[in-house]
């Protein structure tokens, strides 16, 4: 995974996208799409697969229920409480 050691590190990397999220203009962007899906209000579970391919590691995830729905960002992506651990419960 390009130097990443665990699935928790991948999710943490996605969570760090929150620093680029425009809270004043909620919506999708390529820079924050992983973050918004992970914290989407209706998302209750995530299943991921990892493959080591010749060009590098690939991580593919499916979310239930899916998010990143246009026009629904303000009510589904809330600002985190300081100190929130988005990787809690993720096996390393």
N, C-alpha and C. Protein backbone atom coordinates (compact mmCIF):
# COMPACT_ATOMS: atom_id res chain seq x y z
N UNK A 1 0.83 -1.18 0.00
CA UNK A 1 0.00 0.00 0.00
C UNK A 1 0.87 1.24 0.00
N UNK A 2 1.91 1.18 -0.78
CA UNK A 2 2.76 2.35 -0.91
C UNK A 2 3.40 2.76 0.39
N UNK A 3 3.81 1.80 1.22
CA UNK A 3 4.40 2.13 2.50
C UNK A 3 3.41 2.09 3.65
N UNK A 4 2.12 1.99 3.34
CA UNK A 4 1.12 1.89 4.40
C UNK A 4 1.17 0.48 4.98
N UNK A 5 1.03 0.38 6.28
CA UNK A 5 1.22 -0.89 6.96
C UNK A 5 -0.07 -1.62 7.33
N UNK A 6 -1.22 -0.94 7.26
CA UNK A 6 -2.45 -1.59 7.70
C UNK A 6 -3.67 -0.92 7.09
N UNK A 7 -4.81 -1.61 7.19
CA UNK A 7 -6.06 -1.03 6.72
C UNK A 7 -6.42 0.21 7.52
N UNK A 8 -6.07 0.22 8.80
CA UNK A 8 -6.34 1.41 9.63
C UNK A 8 -5.58 2.62 9.09
N UNK A 9 -4.37 2.40 8.60
CA UNK A 9 -3.60 3.52 8.03
C UNK A 9 -4.27 4.06 6.77
N UNK A 10 -4.85 3.18 5.96
CA UNK A 10 -5.56 3.62 4.76
C UNK A 10 -6.75 4.49 5.16
N UNK A 11 -7.55 4.02 6.11
CA UNK A 11 -8.71 4.80 6.55
C UNK A 11 -8.26 6.11 7.19
N UNK A 12 -7.18 6.08 7.95
CA UNK A 12 -6.66 7.31 8.55
C UNK A 12 -6.24 8.31 7.47
N UNK A 13 -5.62 7.81 6.40
CA UNK A 13 -5.24 8.66 5.29
C UNK A 13 -6.48 9.32 4.68
N UNK A 14 -7.54 8.54 4.51
CA UNK A 14 -8.80 9.09 3.99
C UNK A 14 -9.37 10.11 4.96
N UNK A 15 -9.30 9.83 6.24
CA UNK A 15 -9.83 10.76 7.25
C UNK A 15 -9.08 12.08 7.22
N UNK A 16 -7.80 12.05 6.91
CA UNK A 16 -7.02 13.29 6.86
C UNK A 16 -7.46 14.22 5.73
N UNK A 17 -8.24 13.69 4.78
CA UNK A 17 -8.79 14.53 3.71
C UNK A 17 -9.70 15.62 4.28
N UNK A 18 -10.17 15.44 5.51
CA UNK A 18 -11.07 16.44 6.12
C UNK A 18 -10.42 17.81 6.19
N UNK A 19 -9.09 17.86 6.23
CA UNK A 19 -8.41 19.15 6.28
C UNK A 19 -8.57 19.93 4.98
N UNK A 20 -8.95 19.24 3.90
CA UNK A 20 -9.14 19.89 2.60
C UNK A 20 -10.62 20.14 2.29
N UNK A 21 -11.51 19.64 3.14
CA UNK A 21 -12.95 19.76 2.87
C UNK A 21 -13.39 21.20 3.08
N UNK A 22 -14.19 21.72 2.14
CA UNK A 22 -14.69 23.09 2.21
C UNK A 22 -16.03 23.08 2.94
N UNK A 23 -16.00 23.32 4.25
CA UNK A 23 -17.21 23.28 5.07
C UNK A 23 -18.18 24.39 4.69
N UNK A 24 -17.70 25.45 4.06
CA UNK A 24 -18.56 26.55 3.64
C UNK A 24 -19.25 26.28 2.30
N UNK A 25 -18.78 25.27 1.58
CA UNK A 25 -19.36 24.90 0.30
C UNK A 25 -19.40 23.37 0.21
N UNK A 26 -20.28 22.73 1.00
CA UNK A 26 -20.29 21.27 1.08
C UNK A 26 -20.60 20.62 -0.27
N UNK A 27 -19.87 19.56 -0.57
CA UNK A 27 -20.08 18.83 -1.80
C UNK A 27 -18.92 17.91 -2.09
N UNK A 28 -19.00 17.25 -3.24
CA UNK A 28 -17.97 16.28 -3.63
C UNK A 28 -16.77 16.99 -4.24
N UNK A 29 -15.59 16.46 -3.95
CA UNK A 29 -14.37 16.83 -4.67
C UNK A 29 -13.48 15.59 -4.70
N UNK A 30 -12.63 15.51 -5.70
CA UNK A 30 -11.71 14.37 -5.79
C UNK A 30 -10.74 14.33 -4.62
N UNK A 31 -10.47 15.48 -4.01
CA UNK A 31 -9.54 15.55 -2.89
C UNK A 31 -10.15 15.08 -1.58
N UNK A 32 -11.49 15.05 -1.49
CA UNK A 32 -12.13 14.72 -0.20
C UNK A 32 -13.20 13.63 -0.31
N UNK A 33 -13.31 12.98 -1.45
CA UNK A 33 -14.36 11.98 -1.65
C UNK A 33 -14.29 10.78 -0.73
N UNK A 34 -13.07 10.35 -0.38
CA UNK A 34 -12.94 9.22 0.56
C UNK A 34 -13.45 9.64 1.93
N UNK A 35 -13.01 10.81 2.38
CA UNK A 35 -13.42 11.31 3.69
C UNK A 35 -14.94 11.42 3.79
N UNK A 36 -15.57 12.07 2.81
CA UNK A 36 -17.02 12.28 2.92
C UNK A 36 -17.78 10.96 2.92
N UNK A 37 -17.30 9.95 2.19
CA UNK A 37 -17.97 8.66 2.20
C UNK A 37 -17.80 7.96 3.54
N UNK A 38 -16.61 8.01 4.11
CA UNK A 38 -16.36 7.35 5.40
C UNK A 38 -17.24 7.93 6.50
N UNK A 39 -17.45 9.25 6.50
CA UNK A 39 -18.22 9.89 7.58
C UNK A 39 -19.68 10.12 7.22
N UNK A 40 -20.11 9.71 6.03
CA UNK A 40 -21.49 9.91 5.59
C UNK A 40 -22.45 9.36 6.64
N UNK A 41 -23.42 10.15 7.04
CA UNK A 41 -24.30 9.80 8.16
C UNK A 41 -24.93 8.42 8.03
N UNK A 42 -25.36 8.02 6.85
CA UNK A 42 -26.05 6.75 6.68
C UNK A 42 -25.15 5.55 6.52
N UNK A 43 -23.85 5.76 6.41
CA UNK A 43 -22.93 4.64 6.22
C UNK A 43 -22.74 3.91 7.55
N UNK A 44 -23.12 2.64 7.56
CA UNK A 44 -23.01 1.85 8.78
C UNK A 44 -21.94 0.79 8.72
N UNK A 45 -21.56 0.40 7.50
CA UNK A 45 -20.52 -0.62 7.37
C UNK A 45 -19.73 -0.40 6.09
N UNK A 46 -18.50 -0.88 6.12
CA UNK A 46 -17.58 -0.75 5.00
C UNK A 46 -16.89 -2.09 4.81
N UNK A 47 -16.84 -2.57 3.59
CA UNK A 47 -16.10 -3.78 3.27
C UNK A 47 -15.03 -3.45 2.25
N UNK A 48 -13.80 -3.87 2.50
CA UNK A 48 -12.69 -3.51 1.60
C UNK A 48 -11.93 -4.75 1.15
N UNK A 49 -11.39 -4.66 -0.04
CA UNK A 49 -10.50 -5.67 -0.57
C UNK A 49 -9.18 -5.02 -0.93
N UNK A 50 -8.09 -5.74 -0.76
CA UNK A 50 -6.76 -5.21 -1.04
C UNK A 50 -6.05 -6.18 -1.97
N UNK A 51 -5.39 -5.63 -2.99
CA UNK A 51 -4.63 -6.47 -3.92
C UNK A 51 -3.27 -5.84 -4.19
N UNK A 52 -2.25 -6.68 -4.19
CA UNK A 52 -0.90 -6.24 -4.53
C UNK A 52 -0.69 -6.56 -6.01
N UNK A 53 -0.70 -5.53 -6.85
CA UNK A 53 -0.57 -5.68 -8.30
C UNK A 53 0.79 -5.16 -8.75
N UNK A 54 1.18 -5.46 -9.99
CA UNK A 54 2.48 -4.99 -10.48
C UNK A 54 2.68 -3.48 -10.38
N UNK A 55 1.59 -2.71 -10.52
CA UNK A 55 1.70 -1.25 -10.46
C UNK A 55 1.54 -0.69 -9.05
N UNK A 56 1.34 -1.54 -8.07
CA UNK A 56 1.19 -1.08 -6.69
C UNK A 56 -0.01 -1.72 -6.01
N UNK A 57 -0.28 -1.25 -4.83
CA UNK A 57 -1.40 -1.75 -4.04
C UNK A 57 -2.69 -1.06 -4.46
N UNK A 58 -3.79 -1.83 -4.51
CA UNK A 58 -5.11 -1.28 -4.79
C UNK A 58 -6.03 -1.62 -3.64
N UNK A 59 -6.75 -0.63 -3.16
CA UNK A 59 -7.73 -0.81 -2.10
C UNK A 59 -9.08 -0.41 -2.68
N UNK A 60 -10.05 -1.33 -2.63
CA UNK A 60 -11.39 -1.07 -3.14
C UNK A 60 -12.37 -1.32 -2.00
N UNK A 61 -13.28 -0.36 -1.79
CA UNK A 61 -14.24 -0.49 -0.69
C UNK A 61 -15.67 -0.30 -1.18
N UNK A 62 -16.58 -1.00 -0.55
CA UNK A 62 -18.01 -0.84 -0.77
C UNK A 62 -18.61 -0.37 0.55
N UNK A 63 -19.53 0.58 0.45
CA UNK A 63 -20.13 1.19 1.64
C UNK A 63 -21.61 0.88 1.68
N UNK A 64 -22.12 0.60 2.88
CA UNK A 64 -23.54 0.37 3.07
C UNK A 64 -24.01 1.25 4.22
N UNK A 65 -24.88 2.11 3.95
CA UNK A 65 -25.45 2.54 2.69
C UNK A 65 -24.49 3.50 2.00
N UNK A 66 -24.52 3.51 0.65
CA UNK A 66 -23.62 4.41 -0.07
C UNK A 66 -23.94 5.87 0.19
N UNK A 67 -22.94 6.70 0.04
CA UNK A 67 -23.12 8.14 0.24
C UNK A 67 -22.59 8.92 -0.93
N UNK A 68 -22.06 10.11 -0.66
CA UNK A 68 -21.58 11.02 -1.68
C UNK A 68 -22.67 11.30 -2.72
N UNK A 69 -23.85 11.64 -2.22
CA UNK A 69 -25.01 11.93 -3.07
C UNK A 69 -25.11 13.44 -3.23
N UNK A 70 -25.12 13.89 -4.50
CA UNK A 70 -25.24 15.33 -4.77
C UNK A 70 -26.42 15.92 -4.02
N UNK A 71 -26.26 17.14 -3.59
CA UNK A 71 -27.29 17.93 -2.89
C UNK A 71 -27.59 17.43 -1.47
N UNK A 72 -26.93 16.36 -1.00
CA UNK A 72 -27.21 15.83 0.33
C UNK A 72 -26.02 15.96 1.29
N UNK A 73 -24.99 16.68 0.90
CA UNK A 73 -23.80 16.82 1.74
C UNK A 73 -24.06 17.57 3.05
N UNK A 74 -24.76 18.71 3.02
CA UNK A 74 -24.92 19.46 4.27
C UNK A 74 -25.54 18.65 5.41
N UNK A 75 -26.50 17.79 5.11
CA UNK A 75 -27.16 17.03 6.17
C UNK A 75 -26.49 15.69 6.46
N UNK A 76 -25.46 15.30 5.70
CA UNK A 76 -24.83 14.00 5.90
C UNK A 76 -23.35 14.03 6.25
N UNK A 77 -22.70 15.18 6.10
CA UNK A 77 -21.28 15.31 6.44
C UNK A 77 -21.17 16.40 7.50
N UNK A 78 -21.09 15.97 8.75
CA UNK A 78 -21.03 16.91 9.87
C UNK A 78 -19.59 17.09 10.32
N UNK A 79 -19.29 18.27 10.84
CA UNK A 79 -17.95 18.49 11.38
C UNK A 79 -17.73 17.59 12.59
N UNK A 80 -16.54 17.01 12.65
CA UNK A 80 -16.21 16.09 13.73
C UNK A 80 -15.96 16.82 15.03
N UNK A 81 -16.27 16.14 16.10
CA UNK A 81 -15.92 16.63 17.43
C UNK A 81 -14.41 16.45 17.57
N UNK A 82 -13.74 17.40 18.15
CA UNK A 82 -12.30 17.32 18.32
C UNK A 82 -11.89 16.02 19.00
N UNK A 83 -10.91 15.35 18.42
CA UNK A 83 -10.40 14.12 19.00
C UNK A 83 -11.10 12.86 18.52
N UNK A 84 -12.07 12.98 17.59
CA UNK A 84 -12.78 11.82 17.08
C UNK A 84 -11.81 10.91 16.33
N UNK A 85 -11.84 9.61 16.64
CA UNK A 85 -10.98 8.63 15.99
C UNK A 85 -11.79 7.89 14.94
N UNK A 86 -11.56 8.21 13.65
CA UNK A 86 -12.31 7.57 12.58
C UNK A 86 -11.85 6.15 12.33
N UNK A 87 -10.74 5.73 12.91
CA UNK A 87 -10.24 4.38 12.68
C UNK A 87 -10.59 3.43 13.83
N UNK A 88 -11.34 3.88 14.81
CA UNK A 88 -11.70 3.02 15.94
C UNK A 88 -12.44 1.78 15.44
N UNK A 89 -12.02 0.63 15.88
CA UNK A 89 -12.68 -0.62 15.52
C UNK A 89 -12.21 -1.23 14.22
N UNK A 90 -11.26 -0.62 13.55
CA UNK A 90 -10.76 -1.16 12.29
C UNK A 90 -9.56 -2.04 12.59
N UNK A 91 -9.60 -3.30 12.10
CA UNK A 91 -8.45 -4.18 12.35
C UNK A 91 -7.21 -3.68 11.62
N UNK A 92 -6.07 -3.81 12.24
CA UNK A 92 -4.83 -3.33 11.60
C UNK A 92 -4.19 -4.42 10.77
